[in-house]
């Protein structure tokens, strides 16, 4: 079962314990929650910027998953998987420093034998807003072949409302992983007339990634789809 929620709050910085003045940040912070089942794969994405440092596996996911869980990263420049990043009883190891860039997707794989049937994972951080460069647009570079990319903002919206859907050339495809069935849905293919019925009906949720199969190199800026923040 897939369950996603989004909460956006005003960030408060400072400490009253020492009588310091409390400082209100102009930016906003929030979280996205996903639920990952045992013995299954989930295509996730990070929607946030780090508050004090880049969001990597070690601090974005941390101890929310049990030992033997894996993070699978795709290298689109050479069209191959990177070595699996496996959590041990001691954590994610040096590979936990791999940055989970906002808008990039990755697979979370849970083993069959774990204490619980499902685990909730919270992705937290700063929401791209008008005070940040990313709030005015996020640059994407799509390569020919498979790209494990997704929307870069923590909101639900129609696939066809994204700049990505408009910029991809005809014969490009979007491949959506069905987390419930543990298989891919039928490819959604762009024609000279658009994305068709399936593409027009597709809604992309926060925290959820997907594959793009592109027929050429495409660079574009994905605009912020909300007014506030």
Protein backbone atom coordinates (compact mmCIF):
# COMPACT_ATOMS: atom_id res chain seq x y z
CA UNK A 1 0.00 0.00 0.00
CA UNK A 2 1.27 3.42 -0.93
CA UNK A 3 0.46 6.35 1.31
CA UNK A 4 1.84 9.81 0.83
CA UNK A 5 1.29 12.96 2.83
CA UNK A 6 2.74 16.46 2.66
CA UNK A 7 2.90 19.07 5.37
CA UNK A 8 4.53 22.48 4.92
CA UNK A 9 5.51 24.55 7.95
CA UNK A 10 7.33 27.83 8.54
CA UNK A 11 10.86 27.14 9.71
CA UNK A 12 11.88 28.56 13.08
CA UNK A 13 15.58 29.08 13.74
CA UNK A 14 17.18 30.11 17.03
CA UNK A 15 17.15 29.20 20.71
CA UNK A 16 15.19 30.81 23.53
CA UNK A 17 17.10 28.79 26.14
CA UNK A 18 19.88 31.36 26.24
CA UNK A 19 17.64 34.37 25.83
CA UNK A 20 18.54 34.82 22.17
CA UNK A 21 16.19 36.49 19.76
CA UNK A 22 14.10 33.98 17.85
CA UNK A 23 14.63 34.26 14.10
CA UNK A 24 11.89 33.36 11.65
CA UNK A 25 13.13 31.94 8.37
CA UNK A 26 11.50 33.17 5.18
CA UNK A 27 11.76 29.67 3.79
CA UNK A 28 9.46 26.71 4.45
CA UNK A 29 10.18 23.16 5.53
CA UNK A 30 8.05 20.09 5.05
CA UNK A 31 7.96 16.34 4.71
CA UNK A 32 6.71 13.61 2.43
CA UNK A 33 5.83 10.16 3.76
CA UNK A 34 5.99 6.95 1.76
CA UNK A 35 5.28 3.38 2.87
CA UNK A 36 7.59 0.60 1.69
CA UNK A 37 6.59 -3.05 2.06
CA UNK A 38 8.85 -5.96 2.90
CA UNK A 39 10.12 -8.08 -0.01
CA UNK A 40 9.27 -5.33 -2.48
CA UNK A 41 10.59 -2.42 -4.53
CA UNK A 42 9.49 1.20 -4.32
CA UNK A 43 10.54 3.93 -6.76
CA UNK A 44 11.09 6.97 -4.55
CA UNK A 45 12.34 10.49 -5.06
CA UNK A 46 13.59 13.33 -2.90
CA UNK A 47 11.57 16.54 -3.18
CA UNK A 48 13.55 18.76 -0.82
CA UNK A 49 16.72 20.72 -0.32
CA UNK A 50 18.81 20.08 2.78
CA UNK A 51 18.44 22.59 5.59
CA UNK A 52 22.12 22.72 6.52
CA UNK A 53 23.75 20.24 4.13
CA UNK A 54 22.95 18.18 1.04
CA UNK A 55 20.45 15.37 1.52
CA UNK A 56 22.24 12.04 1.17
CA UNK A 57 21.21 8.46 1.92
CA UNK A 58 22.70 8.64 5.41
CA UNK A 59 20.77 11.72 6.54
CA UNK A 60 17.67 11.59 4.31
CA UNK A 61 16.81 7.94 5.05
CA UNK A 62 19.10 7.13 7.97
CA UNK A 63 17.72 4.51 10.35
CA UNK A 64 14.18 4.46 8.98
CA UNK A 65 14.81 1.17 7.16
CA UNK A 66 15.96 -2.19 8.59
CA UNK A 67 19.33 -3.88 7.93
CA UNK A 68 19.76 -5.47 4.49
CA UNK A 69 17.60 -2.78 2.88
CA UNK A 70 19.04 -1.52 -0.39
CA UNK A 71 19.14 1.73 -2.32
CA UNK A 72 19.53 1.27 -6.08
CA UNK A 73 20.84 4.23 -8.07
CA UNK A 74 20.80 4.51 -11.87
CA UNK A 75 23.66 6.11 -13.78
CA UNK A 76 21.94 7.62 -16.79
CA UNK A 77 25.18 8.87 -18.36
CA UNK A 78 26.42 5.28 -18.89
CA UNK A 79 22.98 3.62 -18.81
CA UNK A 80 23.70 1.15 -16.03
CA UNK A 81 23.04 0.48 -12.36
CA UNK A 82 25.50 1.53 -9.72
CA UNK A 83 26.49 -1.11 -7.14
CA UNK A 84 23.65 -1.65 -4.61
CA UNK A 85 24.00 0.38 -1.41
CA UNK A 86 23.14 -2.00 1.43
CA UNK A 87 22.39 -1.06 5.00
CA UNK A 88 24.11 -3.14 7.68
CA UNK A 89 23.69 -3.22 11.44
CA UNK A 90 26.22 -0.36 11.48
CA UNK A 91 24.45 1.86 8.97
CA UNK A 92 24.89 2.70 5.29
CA UNK A 93 28.68 2.84 5.31
CA UNK A 94 30.69 5.18 3.10
CA UNK A 95 28.18 4.77 0.27
CA UNK A 96 25.63 6.53 2.47
CA UNK A 97 27.26 9.80 1.40
CA UNK A 98 25.68 9.47 -2.06
CA UNK A 99 23.59 12.61 -2.51
CA UNK A 100 19.90 12.18 -3.34
CA UNK A 101 19.48 15.16 -5.63
CA UNK A 102 16.07 16.76 -5.73
CA UNK A 103 14.15 15.42 -8.73
CA UNK A 104 16.29 12.29 -9.12
CA UNK A 105 14.60 8.97 -8.43
CA UNK A 106 15.91 5.74 -6.95
CA UNK A 107 14.68 2.30 -5.94
CA UNK A 108 14.25 1.25 -2.32
CA UNK A 109 14.39 -2.52 -1.91
CA UNK A 110 13.36 -4.21 1.31
CA UNK A 111 14.34 -7.81 2.11
CA UNK A 112 11.79 -10.57 2.69
CA UNK A 113 12.71 -11.27 6.30
CA UNK A 114 12.29 -8.07 8.33
CA UNK A 115 10.64 -7.36 11.69
CA UNK A 116 7.71 -5.48 10.14
CA UNK A 117 5.63 -5.98 6.98
CA UNK A 118 6.01 -2.31 6.06
CA UNK A 119 8.10 0.73 6.94
CA UNK A 120 7.25 4.40 6.73
CA UNK A 121 9.96 6.65 5.34
CA UNK A 122 9.83 10.41 5.85
CA UNK A 123 11.75 12.70 3.53
CA UNK A 124 12.23 16.08 5.17
CA UNK A 125 13.84 19.32 4.15
CA UNK A 126 13.43 22.80 2.72
CA UNK A 127 10.68 23.36 0.19
CA UNK A 128 11.94 25.14 -2.94
CA UNK A 129 10.44 28.60 -2.75
CA UNK A 130 10.67 32.12 -4.12
CA UNK A 131 13.72 32.83 -1.94
CA UNK A 132 15.80 30.08 -3.56
CA UNK A 133 17.17 29.63 -7.06
CA UNK A 134 15.36 26.29 -7.33
CA UNK A 135 12.07 28.00 -6.58
CA UNK A 136 12.21 29.82 -9.90
CA UNK A 137 13.13 26.71 -11.89
CA UNK A 138 14.93 23.37 -11.64
CA UNK A 139 17.27 22.43 -14.48
CA UNK A 140 16.93 18.92 -15.92
CA UNK A 141 19.25 17.21 -18.39
CA UNK A 142 17.58 14.18 -19.93
CA UNK A 143 19.87 11.76 -21.80
CA UNK A 144 18.99 9.44 -24.69
CA UNK A 145 17.78 6.14 -23.25
CA UNK A 146 16.57 5.56 -19.69
CA UNK A 147 16.48 8.34 -17.10
CA UNK A 148 15.31 7.72 -13.54
CA UNK A 149 13.98 11.24 -13.10
CA UNK A 150 10.80 12.73 -11.71
CA UNK A 151 9.10 15.95 -10.75
CA UNK A 152 11.20 18.08 -8.43
CA UNK A 153 8.52 19.70 -6.28
CA UNK A 154 6.55 18.18 -3.35
CA UNK A 155 3.06 18.38 -4.81
CA UNK A 156 0.66 16.14 -6.69
CA UNK A 157 0.03 17.26 -10.24
CA UNK A 158 -0.93 16.00 -13.66
CA UNK A 159 1.93 14.63 -15.72
CA UNK A 160 0.89 16.75 -18.69
CA UNK A 161 1.13 19.94 -16.61
CA UNK A 162 4.90 19.51 -16.23
CA UNK A 163 7.45 21.18 -18.47
CA UNK A 164 9.13 17.77 -18.79
CA UNK A 165 6.10 16.29 -20.54
CA UNK A 166 6.05 19.17 -23.03
CA UNK A 167 9.79 19.17 -23.75
CA UNK A 168 10.23 15.43 -24.33
CA UNK A 169 10.19 14.63 -28.07
CA UNK A 170 7.72 12.25 -29.76
CA UNK A 171 8.32 8.52 -29.13
CA UNK A 172 9.58 9.27 -25.62
CA UNK A 173 8.04 7.09 -22.93
CA UNK A 174 7.17 7.32 -19.26
CA UNK A 175 7.38 4.04 -17.32
CA UNK A 176 5.54 3.90 -14.01
CA UNK A 177 6.31 1.21 -11.44
CA UNK A 178 3.19 -0.34 -9.91
CA UNK A 179 4.20 -0.75 -6.28
CA UNK A 180 1.13 -2.84 -5.45
CA UNK A 181 1.63 -5.35 -8.26
CA UNK A 182 5.43 -5.09 -8.25
CA UNK A 183 5.50 -4.65 -12.00
CA UNK A 184 5.49 -1.88 -14.59
CA UNK A 185 2.30 -0.43 -15.98
CA UNK A 186 2.00 -0.30 -19.75
CA UNK A 187 4.41 2.29 -21.23
CA UNK A 188 2.89 5.70 -21.91
CA UNK A 189 4.22 6.88 -25.27
CA UNK A 190 4.23 10.40 -26.61
CA UNK A 191 3.10 10.82 -30.21
CA UNK A 192 2.93 13.86 -32.45
CA UNK A 193 -0.48 14.48 -30.87
CA UNK A 194 0.63 14.29 -27.24
CA UNK A 195 0.58 11.70 -24.45
CA UNK A 196 -2.80 10.18 -25.20
CA UNK A 197 -5.52 9.17 -22.77
CA UNK A 198 -3.21 7.41 -20.30
CA UNK A 199 -0.76 10.28 -20.16
CA UNK A 200 -3.49 12.88 -19.77
CA UNK A 201 -4.95 10.93 -16.84
CA UNK A 202 -1.66 10.30 -15.05
CA UNK A 203 -1.08 12.12 -11.75
CA UNK A 204 2.39 12.12 -10.17
CA UNK A 205 2.43 12.08 -6.36
CA UNK A 206 5.08 13.56 -4.04
CA UNK A 207 7.91 11.20 -3.19
CA UNK A 208 7.23 8.92 -6.16
CA UNK A 209 9.64 8.48 -9.06
CA UNK A 210 9.37 7.07 -12.56
CA UNK A 211 11.44 6.25 -15.61
CA UNK A 212 11.74 8.43 -18.69
CA UNK A 213 12.86 6.75 -21.91
CA UNK A 214 14.00 9.59 -24.13
CA UNK A 215 14.81 9.55 -27.83
CA UNK A 216 17.31 12.40 -27.55
CA UNK A 217 19.06 14.83 -25.24
CA UNK A 218 16.73 17.39 -23.70
CA UNK A 219 17.57 20.25 -21.32
CA UNK A 220 14.89 22.41 -19.70
CA UNK A 221 13.84 24.18 -16.52
CA UNK A 222 10.91 22.79 -14.51
CA UNK A 223 8.99 25.71 -13.02
CA UNK A 224 7.62 25.86 -9.48
CA UNK A 225 3.97 24.71 -9.64
CA UNK A 226 2.67 26.51 -6.55
CA UNK A 227 2.28 30.13 -5.46
CA UNK A 228 3.33 29.76 -1.82
CA UNK A 229 6.01 29.54 -0.59
